[in-house]
Amino acid sequence: MKTAERQFTTISGVPIKPLYGPGDYPADSPGEFPYTRGIHADMYRGKLWTMRQFSGFGTPEETNRRYHYLLQQGQTGLSVAFDLPTLMGYDADHALAAGETGKCGASICSLEDMEILFAGIPLADVTVSMTVNSPAAVLWAMYLAVAERQGAGWDRISGTLQNDILKEYIAQKEYIFPPRPSMRLVTDTIEFAARHTPRFNPISISGYHIREAGSTAVQELAFTLRDGFEYVEWALQRGLAIDEFAPRLSFFFNAHSDFFEEIAKYRAARRMWAHAMRDRYGARQERSLKLRFHAQTAGCSLTWQQPYNNVVRTAVEAMAAVMGGAQSLHTNSLDEAYALPSEQAVTIALRTQQILAHESGIANTPDPLGGSYLVETLTLETERAAGVYIQTIDRMGGMIAAVEAGYPQSEIASASYRYQREVETGARVVVGVNRFQSEDQPIELLRVDDSAAAHQCQKLASLRARRSNQRVAAALDALRRAAEGAENTMPHLLEAVKAYATLGEICDALRGVFGTYTETAHL
């Protein structure tokens, strides 16, 4: 195709002009409202981003060993991957857990498992992120109980609970309860954190999974920010003041392969959040206006063909996240199109971050692409396009109404279809997939066998025989009564986990009050 005939666009379809000039964008400085160029004046010159590799597999014992290894290799924060039964609120001995225990993350069934998961890891000194949503309040209660037993005061622990249930209905589909009771649980955690855990983020509003489901960068930004507005509005309706909880809201974005579009997306996110917090919700504290985010390189960009190419993809995507001002970062491993990362693969992924931090020079100045005609204009274009989506959802009555109508789900499905058609027709090149194919080389893979399930089931049987089942029953009954009313459920969840009620038992108690959710198909 001749250059004159070719259409130059980002992955999202935003046209790229042949040339950009200084008249295409406004100027501001890092650390100044609306924080387009970064939330701190010195950014990484003052402190590097947290290197937080998402990890977990098999039993809590196996995952604990991986955490100690990663910390020894220079990782600076932990991020917990839970298996599918845990994410869905089932114990390892439940029939629906068969074949899934420990396969996509660590199996956590009780406080005992959480104690094992963090054995030898000082929670007062290490930040921990937990990727869990529908049963997030339960897992967080376990975490808080472990911190207590370590002597780590709740005022000292820091980390993030993903806890973003709206994106589950939009994209990932790992939900248990209907949207409104689920939002009540999220609001319970936000309120409890505002009062008791001043350094812990009770929610990480996640666009990552929206992008992994096939959205464009613009859709990822718009739906994520609008989810954030929904959480803000529920907390305000609870009676919290905006500046009481907004500083502890955090975000989680995808770092995809279109280098300049991703950088523009992060810059636009900061601008849009700052303006919304100040002008839409009346926040006055500077910390309430600053959007802080974690980034993870795009799992959906990785290929099983020529897996070593994924090292390069991850490096490019990680560089975009850093140049876009991420506060923490996970770099995917080369083998993740096949399986959970092997020790060798995750070490290469971590080394990628360390090379960027210490050898590339990109951390030496805030927003190194600030003033780029292309990036500045893309930032404004991304903000404008995302704003159109947000206005549409506002007119629908908010994100829950939009989800129930199937609006974001439909938009993502259409974008995913368009992208796949581009790959299949060759209009979009994916190296090793539709061009430059070659015979693949075998790689060593991590394999999780069924011994993890047997081990977890044995521990559950032993726990139920040792604990006070009378205390468990009383705690679960109190939790049900709180769920039926308007009381914050967190104190009752804490009592239940400390009595060693299991995750499945607690979620069953809540299922009995809230019911479960089945999505309505929208054609």
Protein backbone atom coordinates (compact mmCIF):
# COMPACT_ATOMS: atom_id res chain seq x y z
CA MET A 1 0.00 0.00 0.00
CA LYS A 2 1.37 3.43 -0.96
CA THR A 3 2.00 5.86 1.88
CA ALA A 4 -0.42 8.35 0.34
CA GLU A 5 -3.21 5.76 0.48
CA ARG A 6 -2.52 4.44 3.97
CA GLN A 7 -4.67 5.63 6.88
CA PHE A 8 -2.57 6.41 9.97
CA THR A 9 -4.53 5.91 13.19
CA THR A 10 -4.03 4.71 16.75
CA ILE A 11 -5.41 1.32 17.77
CA SER A 12 -8.57 3.15 18.85
CA GLY A 13 -8.95 4.65 15.39
CA VAL A 14 -7.91 8.22 16.27
CA PRO A 15 -6.42 9.77 13.09
CA ILE A 16 -2.74 10.74 13.24
CA LYS A 17 -1.87 13.93 11.36
CA PRO A 18 1.39 14.08 9.38
CA LEU A 19 2.69 16.87 11.61
CA TYR A 20 1.84 18.56 14.92
CA GLY A 21 2.84 22.02 16.13
CA PRO A 22 2.86 24.09 19.35
CA GLY A 23 -0.55 25.57 18.60
CA ASP A 24 -2.20 22.17 19.04
CA TYR A 25 -2.03 21.93 22.84
CA PRO A 26 -2.05 23.88 26.16
CA ALA A 27 0.91 23.80 28.52
CA ASP A 28 1.20 23.04 32.25
CA SER A 29 3.89 21.75 34.60
CA PRO A 30 4.34 18.45 36.46
CA GLY A 31 2.77 18.53 39.91
CA GLU A 32 0.36 21.34 39.01
CA PHE A 33 -3.40 21.14 38.39
CA PRO A 34 -4.74 19.41 36.32
CA TYR A 35 -1.66 17.13 36.62
CA THR A 36 -1.50 16.27 32.92
CA ARG A 37 2.27 15.96 33.21
CA GLY A 38 2.29 13.99 36.47
CA ILE A 39 1.04 14.22 40.04
CA HIS A 40 4.47 15.12 41.48
CA ALA A 41 6.80 17.90 40.42
CA ASP A 42 9.85 15.62 40.41
CA MET A 43 8.10 12.30 39.65
CA TYR A 44 10.67 9.44 39.56
CA ARG A 45 13.59 11.69 40.47
CA GLY A 46 12.09 11.68 43.97
CA LYS A 47 10.89 8.06 44.08
CA LEU A 48 10.74 5.29 41.49
CA TRP A 49 7.48 3.55 40.73
CA THR A 50 6.68 0.45 42.81
CA MET A 51 7.68 -2.73 40.98
CA ARG A 52 4.74 -4.96 41.82
CA GLN A 53 4.64 -8.29 39.96
CA PHE A 54 1.17 -9.89 40.07
CA SER A 55 1.77 -13.42 41.36
CA GLY A 56 0.06 -16.42 42.88
CA PHE A 57 -0.45 -20.11 42.10
CA GLY A 58 -1.24 -23.39 43.79
CA THR A 59 -1.34 -23.33 47.57
CA PRO A 60 -0.62 -20.35 49.84
CA GLU A 61 2.60 -22.15 50.83
CA GLU A 62 3.84 -22.23 47.22
CA THR A 63 2.85 -18.62 46.60
CA ASN A 64 4.57 -17.50 49.80
CA ARG A 65 7.81 -19.04 48.54
CA ARG A 66 7.44 -17.14 45.23
CA TYR A 67 6.87 -13.87 47.14
CA HIS A 68 10.06 -14.32 49.14
CA TYR A 69 11.94 -15.06 45.90
CA LEU A 70 10.59 -11.95 44.17
CA LEU A 71 11.44 -9.70 47.12
CA GLN A 72 14.96 -11.14 47.12
CA GLN A 73 15.22 -10.25 43.41
CA GLY A 74 14.44 -6.60 44.08
CA GLN A 75 10.66 -6.43 43.71
CA THR A 76 9.39 -3.57 45.87
CA GLY A 77 5.71 -4.50 46.38
CA LEU A 78 3.49 -7.59 46.31
CA SER A 79 0.39 -8.22 44.22
CA VAL A 80 -1.76 -11.26 45.01
CA ALA A 81 -3.35 -13.39 42.29
CA PHE A 82 -6.19 -15.54 43.62
CA ASP A 83 -7.54 -18.66 41.92
CA LEU A 84 -10.98 -18.79 40.29
CA PRO A 85 -12.81 -20.53 43.18
CA THR A 86 -11.55 -17.83 45.56
CA LEU A 87 -12.62 -15.08 43.16
CA MET A 88 -16.08 -16.63 42.95
CA GLY A 89 -16.44 -17.14 46.72
CA TYR A 90 -16.06 -20.93 46.87
CA ASP A 91 -13.86 -23.06 49.12
CA ALA A 92 -11.47 -25.57 47.57
CA ASP A 93 -13.70 -28.48 48.60
CA HIS A 94 -16.80 -27.11 46.84
CA ALA A 95 -17.99 -29.08 43.79
CA LEU A 96 -17.63 -26.03 41.55
CA ALA A 97 -13.94 -25.71 42.52
CA ALA A 98 -13.05 -29.08 41.01
CA GLY A 99 -10.22 -28.76 38.53
CA GLU A 100 -9.67 -25.06 39.23
CA THR A 101 -8.02 -24.94 42.65
CA GLY A 102 -4.71 -23.10 42.45
CA LYS A 103 -4.67 -23.05 38.64
CA CYS A 104 -4.88 -19.30 37.95
CA GLY A 105 -3.76 -17.99 41.35
CA ALA A 106 -3.41 -18.90 45.01
CA SER A 107 -6.20 -20.80 46.76
CA ILE A 108 -7.32 -18.88 49.87
CA CYS A 109 -10.13 -20.46 51.88
CA SER A 110 -9.67 -19.06 55.39
CA LEU A 111 -7.70 -16.78 57.67
CA GLU A 112 -5.32 -19.69 58.18
CA ASP A 113 -4.45 -19.60 54.46
CA MET A 114 -3.94 -15.83 54.57
CA GLU A 115 -1.58 -16.24 57.54
CA ILE A 116 0.45 -18.76 55.53
CA LEU A 117 0.43 -16.55 52.42
CA PHE A 118 2.17 -13.71 54.27
CA ALA A 119 4.32 -15.74 56.66
CA GLY A 120 7.67 -14.00 57.14
CA ILE A 121 6.55 -10.91 55.20
CA PRO A 122 6.31 -7.76 57.36
CA LEU A 123 3.05 -6.13 56.32
CA ALA A 124 3.99 -2.86 58.02
CA ASP A 125 6.89 -2.52 55.57
CA VAL A 126 5.69 -4.09 52.30
CA THR A 127 2.81 -2.70 50.26
CA VAL A 128 0.36 -5.36 49.09
CA SER A 129 -2.17 -5.22 46.28
CA MET A 130 -4.93 -7.84 46.13
CA THR A 131 -6.71 -8.54 42.86
CA VAL A 132 -10.13 -9.66 44.03
CA ASN A 133 -13.56 -8.15 43.51
CA SER A 134 -16.85 -9.77 44.51
CA PRO A 135 -15.47 -11.30 47.76
CA ALA A 136 -13.01 -8.41 48.22
CA ALA A 137 -14.38 -7.31 51.59
CA VAL A 138 -13.93 -10.85 52.94
CA LEU A 139 -10.33 -11.19 51.75
CA TRP A 140 -9.52 -7.72 53.05
CA ALA A 141 -10.92 -8.66 56.47
CA MET A 142 -8.54 -11.64 56.45
CA TYR A 143 -5.65 -9.37 55.51
CA LEU A 144 -6.45 -6.91 58.30
CA ALA A 145 -6.61 -9.78 60.79
CA VAL A 146 -3.18 -11.03 59.67
CA ALA A 147 -1.75 -7.52 60.04
CA GLU A 148 -3.15 -7.33 63.57
CA ARG A 149 -1.54 -10.64 64.50
CA GLN A 150 1.79 -9.45 63.11
CA GLY A 151 1.53 -6.34 65.29
CA ALA A 152 1.23 -4.12 62.21
CA GLY A 153 -1.22 -1.38 63.13
CA TRP A 154 -3.92 -0.56 60.61
CA ASP A 155 -2.59 2.99 60.51
CA ARG A 156 0.76 1.65 59.23
CA ILE A 157 -0.21 -0.88 56.56
CA SER A 158 -0.42 0.25 52.95
CA GLY A 159 -1.59 -1.35 49.77
CA THR A 160 -4.60 -1.62 47.50
CA LEU A 161 -7.72 -3.75 47.26
CA GLN A 162 -8.94 -4.04 43.68
CA ASN A 163 -12.60 -4.25 44.75
CA ASP A 164 -13.93 -2.80 41.46
CA ILE A 165 -17.15 -4.72 40.96
CA LEU A 166 -18.54 -2.56 38.15
CA LYS A 167 -15.87 -3.65 35.70
CA GLU A 168 -16.83 -7.26 36.44
CA TYR A 169 -20.31 -6.67 35.04
CA ILE A 170 -18.79 -4.74 32.14
CA ALA A 171 -15.90 -7.00 31.18
CA GLN A 172 -14.50 -9.80 33.33
CA LYS A 173 -17.78 -11.40 34.54
CA GLU A 174 -16.46 -12.66 37.89
CA TYR A 175 -19.36 -11.48 40.01
CA ILE A 176 -21.47 -13.15 42.69
CA PHE A 177 -24.17 -10.75 43.85
CA PRO A 178 -26.39 -8.32 41.89
CA PRO A 179 -24.95 -4.86 41.17
CA ARG A 180 -26.64 -2.84 43.91
CA PRO A 181 -25.81 -5.08 46.93
CA SER A 182 -22.32 -5.44 45.45
CA MET A 183 -21.99 -1.66 45.41
CA ARG A 184 -23.14 -1.59 49.02
CA LEU A 185 -20.23 -3.92 49.97
CA VAL A 186 -17.75 -1.74 48.08
CA THR A 187 -19.09 1.35 49.86
CA ASP A 188 -18.73 -0.46 53.19
CA THR A 189 -15.01 -0.95 52.49
CA ILE A 190 -14.53 2.68 51.40
CA GLU A 191 -16.22 3.92 54.57
CA PHE A 192 -14.28 1.52 56.80
CA ALA A 193 -10.97 2.48 55.17
CA ALA A 194 -11.68 6.20 55.59
CA ARG A 195 -12.13 5.63 59.31
CA HIS A 196 -9.55 2.92 60.11
CA THR A 197 -6.84 2.42 57.43
CA PRO A 198 -5.56 5.85 56.37
CA ARG A 199 -2.75 4.50 54.16
CA PHE A 200 -4.64 1.65 52.47
CA ASN A 201 -6.53 2.13 49.19
CA PRO A 202 -9.92 0.37 49.51
CA ILE A 203 -10.44 0.27 45.76
CA SER A 204 -8.42 0.19 42.53
CA ILE A 205 -10.81 1.26 39.79
CA SER A 206 -9.75 -0.95 36.95
CA GLY A 207 -9.67 -0.31 33.25
CA TYR A 208 -7.22 -3.14 32.72
CA HIS A 209 -9.85 -5.84 32.33
CA ILE A 210 -12.02 -3.59 30.19
CA ARG A 211 -9.10 -3.31 27.75
CA GLU A 212 -8.37 -7.03 27.96
CA ALA A 213 -11.99 -7.66 26.93
CA GLY A 214 -11.29 -5.83 23.67
CA SER A 215 -12.06 -2.16 24.31
CA THR A 216 -10.22 0.72 22.73
CA ALA A 217 -8.01 2.98 24.82
CA VAL A 218 -10.72 5.66 24.73
CA GLN A 219 -13.36 3.21 25.97
CA GLU A 220 -11.02 1.95 28.68
CA LEU A 221 -10.48 5.50 29.91
CA ALA A 222 -14.13 6.57 29.70
CA PHE A 223 -15.68 3.51 31.34
CA THR A 224 -13.05 3.41 34.07
CA LEU A 225 -13.46 7.05 35.04
CA ARG A 226 -17.25 6.76 34.93
CA ASP A 227 -16.99 3.72 37.23
CA GLY A 228 -14.94 5.94 39.52
CA PHE A 229 -17.66 8.59 39.51
CA GLU A 230 -20.20 5.93 40.48
CA TYR A 231 -18.16 4.87 43.52
CA VAL A 232 -17.76 8.52 44.51
CA GLU A 233 -21.50 9.09 44.31
CA TRP A 234 -22.33 6.02 46.41
CA ALA A 235 -19.84 7.11 49.08
CA LEU A 236 -21.32 10.62 49.10
CA GLN A 237 -24.81 9.15 49.49
CA ARG A 238 -23.48 7.15 52.46
CA GLY A 239 -22.69 10.48 54.10
CA LEU A 240 -18.93 10.64 53.59
CA ALA A 241 -17.34 13.95 52.65
CA ILE A 242 -15.50 13.88 49.31
CA ASP A 243 -12.13 14.82 50.83
CA GLU A 244 -12.59 12.13 53.49
CA PHE A 245 -12.20 9.28 51.01
CA ALA A 246 -11.15 10.56 47.56
CA PRO A 247 -7.40 10.61 48.36
CA ARG A 248 -7.51 6.82 48.82
CA LEU A 249 -9.17 6.03 45.50
CA SER A 250 -6.69 4.56 43.03
CA PHE A 251 -6.79 3.34 39.44
CA PHE A 252 -5.45 0.44 37.38
CA PHE A 253 -4.86 0.86 33.66
CA ASN A 254 -3.69 -1.33 30.81
CA ALA A 255 -0.39 -0.60 29.09
CA HIS A 256 -1.04 -1.64 25.50
CA SER A 257 1.20 -1.64 22.46
CA ASP A 258 0.36 1.70 20.81
CA PHE A 259 3.12 3.62 22.54
CA PHE A 260 1.99 7.21 22.08
CA GLU A 261 -1.73 6.52 22.52
CA GLU A 262 -1.09 4.87 25.87
CA ILE A 263 0.95 7.80 27.15
CA ALA A 264 -1.79 10.18 26.02
CA LYS A 265 -4.41 8.04 27.79
CA TYR A 266 -2.66 8.31 31.15
CA ARG A 267 -2.17 12.06 30.77
CA ALA A 268 -5.83 12.54 29.80
CA ALA A 269 -6.94 10.41 32.76
CA ARG A 270 -5.20 12.75 35.22
CA ARG A 271 -6.70 15.85 33.59
CA MET A 272 -10.22 14.46 33.53
CA TRP A 273 -10.17 13.14 37.10
CA ALA A 274 -8.76 16.39 38.51
CA HIS A 275 -11.42 18.49 36.80
CA ALA A 276 -14.22 16.10 37.82
CA MET A 277 -13.15 15.93 41.47
CA ARG A 278 -12.93 19.72 41.73
CA ASP A 279 -15.80 20.86 39.52
CA ARG A 280 -18.27 17.97 39.65
CA TYR A 281 -17.84 16.81 43.25
CA GLY A 282 -16.39 19.85 45.02
CA ALA A 283 -13.15 18.34 46.32
CA ARG A 284 -10.78 20.87 47.83
CA GLN A 285 -7.79 18.90 49.08
CA GLU A 286 -5.03 18.57 46.52
CA ARG A 287 -4.66 14.84 47.22
CA SER A 288 -8.31 14.33 46.27
CA LEU A 289 -7.63 15.78 42.82
CA LYS A 290 -4.61 13.61 41.96
CA LEU A 291 -5.25 10.40 40.03
CA ARG A 292 -2.80 7.71 41.12
CA PHE A 293 -2.57 4.56 39.04
CA HIS A 294 -1.01 1.15 38.69
CA ALA A 295 -0.35 -0.19 35.20
CA GLN A 296 0.08 -3.69 33.85
CA THR A 297 1.36 -4.51 30.40
CA ALA A 298 -1.28 -5.93 28.08
CA GLY A 299 -1.87 -9.65 28.47
CA CYS A 300 -4.08 -9.57 25.37
CA SER A 301 -1.11 -8.36 23.29
CA LEU A 302 0.95 -11.45 24.10
CA THR A 303 1.07 -14.32 21.61
CA TRP A 304 1.79 -18.02 21.95
CA GLN A 305 3.50 -17.85 18.57
CA GLN A 306 7.16 -16.87 18.98
CA PRO A 307 6.79 -16.25 22.74
CA TYR A 308 10.18 -14.53 23.08
CA ASN A 309 8.71 -11.65 21.07
CA ASN A 310 6.61 -10.99 24.17
CA VAL A 311 9.70 -9.75 26.01
CA VAL A 312 9.97 -6.92 23.49
CA ARG A 313 6.24 -6.17 23.60
CA THR A 314 6.32 -5.98 27.37
CA ALA A 315 9.35 -3.65 27.34
CA VAL A 316 7.64 -1.22 24.94
CA GLU A 317 4.40 -1.26 26.94
CA ALA A 318 6.23 -0.81 30.25
CA MET A 319 8.10 2.16 28.81
CA ALA A 320 4.78 3.75 27.86
CA ALA A 321 3.48 3.27 31.42
CA VAL A 322 6.58 4.89 32.91
CA MET A 323 6.61 7.77 30.45
CA GLY A 324 2.92 8.20 31.21
CA GLY A 325 3.58 8.57 34.95
CA ALA A 326 2.48 5.29 36.57
CA GLN A 327 2.88 4.96 40.35
CA SER A 328 3.35 1.18 40.18
CA LEU A 329 3.85 -1.35 37.42
CA HIS A 330 3.52 -5.05 36.61
CA THR A 331 5.37 -6.39 33.59
CA ASN A 332 3.94 -9.54 32.02
CA SER A 333 6.09 -12.60 31.47
CA LEU A 334 6.93 -14.06 28.08
CA ASP A 335 5.09 -17.35 28.79
CA GLU A 336 1.73 -15.93 29.90
CA ALA A 337 -0.03 -16.82 26.65
CA TYR A 338 0.60 -20.43 27.74
CA ALA A 339 0.48 -20.55 31.54
CA LEU A 340 1.20 -18.73 34.78
CA PRO A 341 4.78 -17.38 34.79
CA SER A 342 7.71 -19.65 35.48
CA GLU A 343 10.40 -18.41 37.86
CA GLN A 344 12.76 -17.70 34.97
CA ALA A 345 10.13 -15.81 32.97
CA VAL A 346 8.96 -13.65 35.88
CA THR A 347 12.58 -12.77 36.66
CA ILE A 348 13.07 -11.49 33.10
CA ALA A 349 9.87 -9.47 33.46
CA LEU A 350 11.10 -7.91 36.70
CA ARG A 351 14.52 -7.22 35.19
CA THR A 352 12.74 -5.36 32.38
CA GLN A 353 11.43 -2.86 34.93
CA GLN A 354 14.81 -2.58 36.62
CA ILE A 355 16.58 -1.89 33.32
CA LEU A 356 14.04 0.82 32.49
CA ALA A 357 14.47 2.35 35.94
CA HIS A 358 18.25 2.28 36.16
CA GLU A 359 19.66 2.12 32.62
CA SER A 360 17.27 3.78 30.16
CA GLY A 361 17.26 7.34 31.52
CA ILE A 362 13.50 7.73 31.02
CA ALA A 363 12.99 8.18 34.77
CA ASN A 364 15.35 11.15 34.92
CA THR A 365 12.76 13.82 34.16
CA PRO A 366 9.00 14.12 34.64
CA ASP A 367 6.85 13.61 31.56
CA PRO A 368 9.74 13.37 29.07
CA LEU A 369 7.35 13.59 26.12
CA GLY A 370 5.64 16.71 27.44
CA GLY A 371 5.64 19.23 24.61
CA SER A 372 5.59 16.55 21.93
CA TYR A 373 3.15 17.89 19.36
CA LEU A 374 1.81 14.38 18.78
CA VAL A 375 1.42 13.40 22.44
CA GLU A 376 -0.09 16.71 23.52
CA THR A 377 -2.68 16.61 20.75
CA LEU A 378 -3.47 12.94 21.35
CA THR A 379 -4.02 13.75 25.02
CA LEU A 380 -6.67 16.33 24.15
CA GLU A 381 -8.27 14.09 21.52
CA THR A 382 -8.44 11.17 23.97
CA GLU A 383 -9.99 13.41 26.62
CA ARG A 384 -12.59 14.71 24.17
CA ALA A 385 -13.60 11.26 22.92
CA ALA A 386 -13.77 9.78 26.43
CA GLY A 387 -15.89 12.71 27.53
CA VAL A 388 -18.51 11.86 24.90
CA TYR A 389 -18.87 8.35 26.39
CA ILE A 390 -19.15 9.75 29.91
CA GLN A 391 -21.87 12.19 28.87
CA THR A 392 -23.81 9.33 27.25
CA ILE A 393 -23.65 7.26 30.46
CA ASP A 394 -24.67 10.29 32.53
CA ARG A 395 -27.76 10.68 30.36
CA MET A 396 -28.59 7.00 30.91
CA GLY A 397 -28.66 7.57 34.68
CA GLY A 398 -25.18 6.36 35.65
CA MET A 399 -23.03 3.30 35.19
CA ILE A 400 -25.31 0.77 36.87
CA ALA A 401 -28.16 1.75 34.56
CA ALA A 402 -25.77 1.58 31.59
CA VAL A 403 -24.54 -1.88 32.62
CA GLU A 404 -28.08 -3.15 33.08
CA ALA A 405 -28.89 -1.84 29.57
CA GLY A 406 -25.76 -3.56 28.19
CA TYR A 407 -24.29 -0.32 26.81
CA PRO A 408 -20.58 -0.61 27.72
CA GLN A 409 -20.63 -4.36 27.04
CA SER A 410 -21.96 -3.75 23.52
CA GLU A 411 -19.44 -1.00 22.78
CA ILE A 412 -16.55 -3.22 23.88
CA ALA A 413 -17.81 -6.19 21.85
CA SER A 414 -17.98 -4.04 18.71
CA ALA A 415 -14.46 -2.70 19.26
CA SER A 416 -13.10 -6.20 19.88
CA TYR A 417 -14.70 -7.46 16.66
CA ARG A 418 -13.23 -4.60 14.63
CA TYR A 419 -9.74 -5.25 15.99
CA GLN A 420 -9.92 -8.99 15.33
CA ARG A 421 -11.10 -8.39 11.77
CA GLU A 422 -8.11 -6.09 11.21
CA VAL A 423 -5.76 -8.83 12.37
CA GLU A 424 -7.47 -11.52 10.31
CA THR A 425 -7.46 -9.43 7.13
CA GLY A 426 -3.85 -8.34 7.66
CA ALA A 427 -4.76 -4.67 7.96
CA ARG A 428 -3.10 -4.73 11.38
CA VAL A 429 0.21 -6.58 11.61
CA VAL A 430 0.94 -8.80 14.61
CA VAL A 431 4.49 -10.06 14.29
CA GLY A 432 4.68 -13.85 14.26
CA VAL A 433 0.90 -14.22 13.95
CA ASN A 434 -0.19 -12.84 10.58
CA ARG A 435 3.27 -11.87 9.26
CA PHE A 436 6.85 -13.01 9.78
CA GLN A 437 5.77 -16.48 10.92
CA SER A 438 8.35 -19.10 11.82
CA GLU A 439 8.54 -22.38 13.66
CA ASP A 440 8.08 -21.87 17.40
CA GLN A 441 10.69 -22.90 19.95
CA PRO A 442 9.47 -24.84 23.02
CA ILE A 443 9.68 -23.02 26.36
CA GLU A 444 9.65 -24.29 29.93
CA LEU A 445 6.26 -23.86 31.59
CA LEU A 446 5.00 -23.74 35.18
CA ARG A 447 2.48 -26.52 35.75
CA VAL A 448 0.07 -26.63 38.71
CA ASP A 449 -1.17 -30.16 39.32
CA ASP A 450 -4.14 -31.38 41.36
CA SER A 451 -2.06 -31.85 44.53
CA ALA A 452 -2.88 -28.24 45.42
CA ALA A 453 -6.59 -29.10 45.61
CA ALA A 454 -5.96 -32.17 47.76
CA HIS A 455 -3.75 -30.15 50.12
CA GLN A 456 -6.32 -27.36 50.48
CA CYS A 457 -9.20 -29.79 51.08
CA GLN A 458 -7.20 -31.57 53.78
CA LYS A 459 -6.48 -28.26 55.52
CA LEU A 460 -10.15 -27.29 55.38
CA ALA A 461 -11.23 -30.55 57.01
CA SER A 462 -8.66 -30.06 59.77
CA LEU A 463 -9.70 -26.43 60.32
CA ARG A 464 -13.38 -27.28 60.66
CA ALA A 465 -12.54 -29.96 63.22
CA ARG A 466 -10.37 -27.61 65.34
CA ARG A 467 -12.28 -24.32 65.35
CA SER A 468 -15.27 -23.38 67.52
CA ASN A 469 -18.16 -24.03 65.15
CA GLN A 470 -20.49 -22.37 67.65
CA ARG A 471 -18.50 -19.15 67.36
CA VAL A 472 -18.55 -19.46 63.56
CA ALA A 473 -22.34 -19.91 63.50
CA ALA A 474 -22.85 -16.87 65.75
CA ALA A 475 -20.56 -14.71 63.61
CA LEU A 476 -22.29 -15.74 60.38
CA ASP A 477 -25.71 -15.06 61.90
CA ALA A 478 -24.61 -11.57 62.95
CA LEU A 479 -23.25 -10.96 59.45
CA ARG A 480 -26.58 -11.96 57.89
CA ARG A 481 -28.46 -9.53 60.13
CA ALA A 482 -26.07 -6.70 59.25
CA ALA A 483 -26.42 -7.49 55.52
CA GLU A 484 -30.20 -7.41 55.83
CA GLY A 485 -30.05 -3.93 57.34
CA ALA A 486 -27.98 -0.85 56.60
CA GLU A 487 -25.08 -1.49 59.00
CA ASN A 488 -21.51 -1.56 57.70
CA THR A 489 -20.64 -5.23 57.18
CA MET A 490 -16.86 -4.90 57.72
CA PRO A 491 -16.84 -5.33 61.54
CA HIS A 492 -18.95 -8.48 61.15
CA LEU A 493 -16.72 -9.82 58.39
CA LEU A 494 -13.72 -9.29 60.67
CA GLU A 495 -15.41 -11.26 63.45
CA ALA A 496 -16.32 -14.06 61.05
CA VAL A 497 -12.81 -14.47 59.62
CA LYS A 498 -11.25 -14.31 63.10
CA ALA A 499 -13.60 -17.16 64.11
CA TYR A 500 -12.10 -19.02 61.10
CA ALA A 501 -15.30 -19.09 59.10
CA THR A 502 -14.25 -19.99 55.58
CA LEU A 503 -14.54 -17.80 52.51
CA GLY A 504 -17.24 -20.06 51.11
CA GLU A 505 -19.27 -20.03 54.31
CA ILE A 506 -19.15 -16.24 54.51
CA CYS A 507 -20.09 -15.78 50.84
CA ASP A 508 -22.91 -18.30 51.24
CA ALA A 509 -24.27 -16.23 54.13
CA LEU A 510 -24.24 -13.15 51.90
CA ARG A 511 -25.74 -15.10 48.98
CA GLY A 512 -28.64 -15.96 51.27
CA VAL A 513 -29.35 -12.26 51.78
CA PHE A 514 -28.36 -10.66 48.46
CA GLY A 515 -28.99 -13.49 46.00
CA THR A 516 -26.82 -14.07 42.94
CA TYR A 517 -26.66 -12.34 39.57
CA THR A 518 -27.18 -13.63 36.04
CA GLU A 519 -26.49 -11.24 33.20
CA THR A 520 -29.25 -10.50 30.71
CA ALA A 521 -28.13 -10.89 27.12
CA HIS A 522 -28.37 -7.75 24.98
CA LEU A 523 -28.27 -8.25 21.23
